[in-house]
Amino acid sequence: MAAGSEKGAAENAVYVGTKPVMNYVLAAITQFNEGGNEVVLKARGKAISRAVDVAEILRNRFIQGLVPKNIAIGTEEVQTESGDKINVSTIEIVLGKS
């Protein structure tokens, strides 16, 4: 997953993956600076903790009055290279200006 939006996805989504946390913080700040009122942080698997870090850094260091409007958790079934199906946890954190 990469920072920014994917084809057909919501324009205000930031997909959190394996890059450094500040890359995703910058992507979210860019969304807000372009006039957005909300940003959705999406992550799955081991990147979930990085998404939470991004949300907390945004709230505590960069954007005053930013609040989590919704947090959704779930599970996706993913097929591995060997053909096995495994369950991967997912999270979506919606951050908005209060």
N, C-alpha and C. Protein backbone atom coordinates (compact mmCIF):
# COMPACT_ATOMS: atom_id res chain seq x y z
N MET A 1 0.83 -1.18 0.00
CA MET A 1 0.00 0.00 0.00
C MET A 1 0.87 1.24 0.00
N ALA A 2 0.36 2.28 -0.62
CA ALA A 2 1.15 3.50 -0.71
C ALA A 2 0.33 4.68 -0.22
N ALA A 3 1.01 5.75 0.11
CA ALA A 3 0.33 6.97 0.53
C ALA A 3 -0.41 7.56 -0.66
N GLY A 4 -1.52 8.22 -0.37
CA GLY A 4 -2.29 8.84 -1.43
C GLY A 4 -3.50 7.99 -1.77
N SER A 5 -4.10 8.26 -2.90
CA SER A 5 -5.31 7.53 -3.26
C SER A 5 -5.04 6.58 -4.41
N GLU A 6 -5.80 5.50 -4.42
CA GLU A 6 -5.69 4.53 -5.49
C GLU A 6 -6.83 4.75 -6.46
N LYS A 7 -6.74 4.17 -7.63
CA LYS A 7 -7.75 4.33 -8.66
C LYS A 7 -9.11 3.85 -8.16
N GLY A 8 -10.11 4.71 -8.25
CA GLY A 8 -11.45 4.35 -7.84
C GLY A 8 -11.70 4.45 -6.34
N ALA A 9 -10.71 4.83 -5.58
CA ALA A 9 -10.86 4.93 -4.13
C ALA A 9 -11.23 6.36 -3.75
N ALA A 10 -11.63 6.52 -2.51
CA ALA A 10 -11.99 7.85 -2.03
C ALA A 10 -10.78 8.78 -2.13
N GLU A 11 -11.03 10.02 -2.54
CA GLU A 11 -9.94 10.97 -2.73
C GLU A 11 -9.27 11.37 -1.42
N ASN A 12 -9.99 11.26 -0.32
CA ASN A 12 -9.45 11.70 0.95
C ASN A 12 -8.85 10.55 1.76
N ALA A 13 -8.55 9.43 1.13
CA ALA A 13 -8.00 8.27 1.84
C ALA A 13 -6.48 8.27 1.76
N VAL A 14 -5.86 7.91 2.88
CA VAL A 14 -4.41 7.72 2.94
C VAL A 14 -4.20 6.26 3.33
N TYR A 15 -3.57 5.49 2.44
CA TYR A 15 -3.33 4.08 2.68
C TYR A 15 -1.98 3.92 3.37
N VAL A 16 -2.00 3.46 4.62
CA VAL A 16 -0.80 3.35 5.44
C VAL A 16 -0.18 1.98 5.22
N GLY A 17 1.11 1.99 4.91
CA GLY A 17 1.83 0.74 4.66
C GLY A 17 3.14 0.70 5.42
N THR A 18 4.23 0.45 4.70
CA THR A 18 5.53 0.20 5.34
C THR A 18 6.48 1.40 5.30
N LYS A 19 6.07 2.49 4.69
CA LYS A 19 6.94 3.68 4.64
C LYS A 19 7.03 4.32 6.02
N PRO A 20 7.96 5.25 6.20
CA PRO A 20 8.06 5.95 7.49
C PRO A 20 6.77 6.71 7.82
N VAL A 21 6.47 6.81 9.11
CA VAL A 21 5.24 7.42 9.59
C VAL A 21 5.06 8.83 9.04
N MET A 22 6.12 9.61 8.99
CA MET A 22 6.00 11.00 8.57
C MET A 22 5.56 11.15 7.11
N ASN A 23 5.80 10.14 6.29
CA ASN A 23 5.30 10.19 4.91
C ASN A 23 3.78 10.25 4.90
N TYR A 24 3.14 9.46 5.77
CA TYR A 24 1.68 9.42 5.83
C TYR A 24 1.13 10.66 6.52
N VAL A 25 1.86 11.18 7.50
CA VAL A 25 1.45 12.43 8.16
C VAL A 25 1.43 13.54 7.11
N LEU A 26 2.46 13.63 6.30
CA LEU A 26 2.53 14.65 5.25
C LEU A 26 1.40 14.48 4.24
N ALA A 27 1.09 13.24 3.88
CA ALA A 27 0.00 12.99 2.92
C ALA A 27 -1.33 13.46 3.50
N ALA A 28 -1.56 13.22 4.79
CA ALA A 28 -2.80 13.64 5.42
C ALA A 28 -2.87 15.17 5.52
N ILE A 29 -1.76 15.80 5.90
CA ILE A 29 -1.72 17.26 5.99
C ILE A 29 -2.02 17.87 4.62
N THR A 30 -1.48 17.27 3.58
CA THR A 30 -1.73 17.75 2.22
C THR A 30 -3.22 17.68 1.90
N GLN A 31 -3.89 16.60 2.31
CA GLN A 31 -5.33 16.48 2.07
C GLN A 31 -6.09 17.62 2.76
N PHE A 32 -5.72 17.91 4.01
CA PHE A 32 -6.39 19.00 4.72
C PHE A 32 -6.08 20.35 4.09
N ASN A 33 -4.85 20.57 3.64
CA ASN A 33 -4.48 21.84 3.03
C ASN A 33 -5.16 22.07 1.69
N GLU A 34 -5.59 21.00 1.04
CA GLU A 34 -6.31 21.12 -0.23
C GLU A 34 -7.80 21.37 -0.01
N GLY A 35 -8.17 21.63 1.23
CA GLY A 35 -9.56 22.00 1.51
C GLY A 35 -10.42 20.89 2.07
N GLY A 36 -9.88 19.72 2.30
CA GLY A 36 -10.67 18.63 2.85
C GLY A 36 -10.98 18.84 4.32
N ASN A 37 -12.16 18.41 4.74
CA ASN A 37 -12.53 18.49 6.14
C ASN A 37 -12.29 17.18 6.88
N GLU A 38 -12.12 16.10 6.11
CA GLU A 38 -11.89 14.78 6.69
C GLU A 38 -10.80 14.05 5.92
N VAL A 39 -10.08 13.19 6.63
CA VAL A 39 -9.11 12.29 6.02
C VAL A 39 -9.35 10.90 6.60
N VAL A 40 -9.32 9.89 5.73
CA VAL A 40 -9.50 8.51 6.17
C VAL A 40 -8.15 7.81 6.10
N LEU A 41 -7.68 7.33 7.25
CA LEU A 41 -6.45 6.53 7.29
C LEU A 41 -6.85 5.07 7.21
N LYS A 42 -6.32 4.36 6.23
CA LYS A 42 -6.67 2.95 6.05
C LYS A 42 -5.40 2.12 6.17
N ALA A 43 -5.50 1.01 6.91
CA ALA A 43 -4.34 0.12 7.07
C ALA A 43 -4.83 -1.28 7.35
N ARG A 44 -3.92 -2.24 7.14
CA ARG A 44 -4.25 -3.61 7.51
C ARG A 44 -2.99 -4.33 7.98
N GLY A 45 -3.20 -5.35 8.77
CA GLY A 45 -2.10 -6.15 9.28
C GLY A 45 -1.18 -5.37 10.20
N LYS A 46 0.11 -5.54 9.99
CA LYS A 46 1.11 -4.91 10.85
C LYS A 46 1.15 -3.39 10.71
N ALA A 47 0.53 -2.85 9.67
CA ALA A 47 0.53 -1.39 9.47
C ALA A 47 -0.52 -0.68 10.32
N ILE A 48 -1.36 -1.44 11.03
CA ILE A 48 -2.40 -0.83 11.85
C ILE A 48 -1.79 0.08 12.92
N SER A 49 -0.75 -0.39 13.58
CA SER A 49 -0.14 0.44 14.63
C SER A 49 0.47 1.71 14.04
N ARG A 50 0.97 1.63 12.82
CA ARG A 50 1.52 2.81 12.15
C ARG A 50 0.40 3.81 11.84
N ALA A 51 -0.77 3.32 11.47
CA ALA A 51 -1.91 4.21 11.19
C ALA A 51 -2.34 4.94 12.46
N VAL A 52 -2.34 4.23 13.59
CA VAL A 52 -2.68 4.87 14.86
C VAL A 52 -1.63 5.93 15.20
N ASP A 53 -0.36 5.62 14.96
CA ASP A 53 0.71 6.60 15.19
C ASP A 53 0.49 7.85 14.34
N VAL A 54 0.13 7.67 13.08
CA VAL A 54 -0.12 8.80 12.18
C VAL A 54 -1.24 9.66 12.74
N ALA A 55 -2.33 9.03 13.16
CA ALA A 55 -3.47 9.78 13.70
C ALA A 55 -3.07 10.58 14.94
N GLU A 56 -2.31 9.97 15.82
CA GLU A 56 -1.91 10.65 17.06
C GLU A 56 -0.92 11.79 16.79
N ILE A 57 0.00 11.60 15.86
CA ILE A 57 0.94 12.66 15.51
C ILE A 57 0.19 13.85 14.90
N LEU A 58 -0.77 13.55 14.02
CA LEU A 58 -1.57 14.63 13.42
C LEU A 58 -2.32 15.40 14.49
N ARG A 59 -2.96 14.70 15.41
CA ARG A 59 -3.79 15.33 16.45
C ARG A 59 -2.95 16.13 17.44
N ASN A 60 -1.81 15.58 17.85
CA ASN A 60 -1.05 16.18 18.95
C ASN A 60 0.02 17.18 18.52
N ARG A 61 0.49 17.10 17.29
CA ARG A 61 1.60 17.95 16.88
C ARG A 61 1.29 18.92 15.75
N PHE A 62 0.39 18.58 14.85
CA PHE A 62 0.25 19.36 13.62
C PHE A 62 -1.07 20.10 13.47
N ILE A 63 -2.19 19.48 13.74
CA ILE A 63 -3.48 20.12 13.45
C ILE A 63 -4.29 20.20 14.74
N GLN A 64 -4.47 21.42 15.24
CA GLN A 64 -5.26 21.63 16.45
C GLN A 64 -6.74 21.42 16.14
N GLY A 65 -7.46 20.81 17.07
CA GLY A 65 -8.90 20.59 16.88
C GLY A 65 -9.24 19.40 16.02
N LEU A 66 -8.29 18.55 15.73
CA LEU A 66 -8.54 17.35 14.92
C LEU A 66 -9.05 16.25 15.84
N VAL A 67 -10.18 15.64 15.47
CA VAL A 67 -10.77 14.60 16.30
C VAL A 67 -11.06 13.35 15.46
N PRO A 68 -11.00 12.17 16.08
CA PRO A 68 -11.41 10.96 15.37
C PRO A 68 -12.93 10.91 15.29
N LYS A 69 -13.47 10.97 14.08
CA LYS A 69 -14.92 10.96 13.90
C LYS A 69 -15.48 9.55 13.86
N ASN A 70 -14.69 8.61 13.37
CA ASN A 70 -15.13 7.21 13.31
C ASN A 70 -13.91 6.32 13.22
N ILE A 71 -14.00 5.16 13.86
CA ILE A 71 -12.96 4.14 13.75
C ILE A 71 -13.66 2.83 13.46
N ALA A 72 -13.32 2.23 12.33
CA ALA A 72 -13.93 0.96 11.93
C ALA A 72 -12.85 -0.10 11.83
N ILE A 73 -13.13 -1.25 12.44
CA ILE A 73 -12.20 -2.37 12.35
C ILE A 73 -12.89 -3.52 11.64
N GLY A 74 -12.10 -4.38 11.03
CA GLY A 74 -12.66 -5.50 10.32
C GLY A 74 -11.61 -6.53 9.98
N THR A 75 -12.03 -7.50 9.18
CA THR A 75 -11.15 -8.58 8.74
C THR A 75 -11.34 -8.80 7.25
N GLU A 76 -10.23 -8.93 6.54
CA GLU A 76 -10.27 -9.27 5.11
C GLU A 76 -9.65 -10.63 4.91
N GLU A 77 -10.18 -11.39 3.99
CA GLU A 77 -9.59 -12.67 3.63
C GLU A 77 -8.67 -12.43 2.43
N VAL A 78 -7.39 -12.76 2.60
CA VAL A 78 -6.39 -12.50 1.58
C VAL A 78 -5.78 -13.84 1.14
N GLN A 79 -5.56 -13.96 -0.16
CA GLN A 79 -4.95 -15.17 -0.68
C GLN A 79 -3.44 -14.98 -0.76
N THR A 80 -2.69 -15.92 -0.19
CA THR A 80 -1.23 -15.84 -0.21
C THR A 80 -0.69 -16.34 -1.54
N GLU A 81 0.62 -16.18 -1.73
CA GLU A 81 1.25 -16.64 -2.97
C GLU A 81 1.12 -18.15 -3.13
N SER A 82 1.08 -18.87 -2.01
CA SER A 82 0.98 -20.33 -2.08
C SER A 82 -0.46 -20.80 -2.27
N GLY A 83 -1.41 -19.86 -2.33
CA GLY A 83 -2.80 -20.21 -2.58
C GLY A 83 -3.64 -20.34 -1.32
N ASP A 84 -3.01 -20.25 -0.16
CA ASP A 84 -3.77 -20.33 1.09
C ASP A 84 -4.52 -19.02 1.33
N LYS A 85 -5.64 -19.13 2.04
CA LYS A 85 -6.39 -17.94 2.40
C LYS A 85 -6.15 -17.66 3.88
N ILE A 86 -5.78 -16.40 4.17
CA ILE A 86 -5.54 -16.00 5.56
C ILE A 86 -6.41 -14.78 5.88
N ASN A 87 -6.70 -14.60 7.16
CA ASN A 87 -7.45 -13.44 7.61
C ASN A 87 -6.48 -12.34 8.02
N VAL A 88 -6.75 -11.11 7.57
CA VAL A 88 -5.92 -9.97 7.91
C VAL A 88 -6.82 -8.90 8.51
N SER A 89 -6.42 -8.38 9.66
CA SER A 89 -7.19 -7.32 10.31
C SER A 89 -7.05 -6.01 9.55
N THR A 90 -8.11 -5.19 9.59
CA THR A 90 -8.09 -3.90 8.92
C THR A 90 -8.60 -2.82 9.87
N ILE A 91 -8.23 -1.58 9.59
CA ILE A 91 -8.73 -0.44 10.35
C ILE A 91 -8.91 0.74 9.42
N GLU A 92 -9.94 1.52 9.68
CA GLU A 92 -10.17 2.79 9.00
C GLU A 92 -10.40 3.83 10.09
N ILE A 93 -9.59 4.87 10.09
CA ILE A 93 -9.70 5.94 11.07
C ILE A 93 -10.08 7.21 10.32
N VAL A 94 -11.27 7.74 10.63
CA VAL A 94 -11.73 8.97 9.99
C VAL A 94 -11.39 10.13 10.94
N LEU A 95 -10.55 11.04 10.46
CA LEU A 95 -10.17 12.22 11.24
C LEU A 95 -10.81 13.44 10.62
N GLY A 96 -11.39 14.29 11.46
CA GLY A 96 -12.02 15.49 10.96
C GLY A 96 -11.75 16.67 11.88
N LYS A 97 -11.93 17.84 11.32
CA LYS A 97 -11.76 19.07 12.11
C LYS A 97 -13.03 19.31 12.91
N SER A 98 -12.86 19.66 14.19
CA SER A 98 -14.04 19.88 15.05
C SER A 98 -14.55 21.30 14.90
